[in-house]
């Protein structure tokens, strides 16, 4: 960008990322991991940018995590060579893409069913390079993952015996507050697998909400935080961050004040997302802490100003910390980088919309 570009000249709504805060968040996490002898494999679903993925690797991350093949392809094209895809990948088209990607770099995927493993084996049985497959474990999140140790053992054996595949270990995405439960489940699994001659090379734990308690999962060989780079209102509510740690905000304009206690912003569900947090409202408006974003339609945010001592006027520009930064990133073609409160660059969100 030119030296004449400024925050005031930006059109709204637009995503702003404070580089000093993002870099501080990255360093804090890496320092924590180094202090506890942990390996970080950050999830790029939050930022979707090779720019930040490379920073994470430069700080000491062992590789990255991508949720979808499209994200991984973008990161591979940017020169990143170690990627984990913790997702069940099914269908001939995706499996063909997966095989091509596996030829290019160090790659691993997950499975939680015999069907998924059969698909991997069918796609890779004639490949020159084996596909590394981890078994996903449900340690309380109630999403994907095997439900029992016996099921885990059966899938690990199936992977080990399937042409084209190699058993890589275990993966989990635990819910907040389940450090002890996760450690117990994964330790039991490690011990059973080792006794069966299938010691897991990798035990991958994940999530930002418990990032700074994750050293308690002593059995894990790596941790996969994502939101920690930007933080958001949800992480603040969880106690992982303060509002001042939130690096991402949405710059918005007050386009209407139809009543003394109501303001309308030019940001709706298409720019702030509709995720709820454990606190009221759809985001925090900097400078107006008592304002509550009560409702989002597609292009409007309705703000209750009744508790505010001062109130924004029509035409005023405000910054909103969203409830969930990861979703907001995927809503915009580009982000604007700030340093010292000044605009320093724009970056295209290269992995935006890579949902398959």
Foldseek 3Di string as FASTA:
>chain_A
DDPPDWPVPDDPFAKEFEVVLLLVLLLVLLVLCVVLVAAAAAEALQQLDLVVQVVSVVSPHPAHEYAFLLSLVLNVVVPGAAYEHADQDDDDVRLLSVLVSVVRHHYAYEDADPVSLVRNLVSQLPPPAAHEYAFEDALDPPDDGDDDLVSRVVVQVSQCPGHRYHYAYYEYEYDPPRLVSLLVRRVVNQVVCVVVVRHHPAYEYEEQLCSSVNSSSVVGRYYYYYCSSQPFQQSVVSVSDPPVSHRMWTKWFFADDPDVFKTKTQAFCLQQNDDDHPDAAFWAWPPFRPKHQHHGDHGITIIGRVVGPDDDDGGDMIITGGHRSSVNSLSDQWHFYDYPNTTDDIDGSSSRPVPD
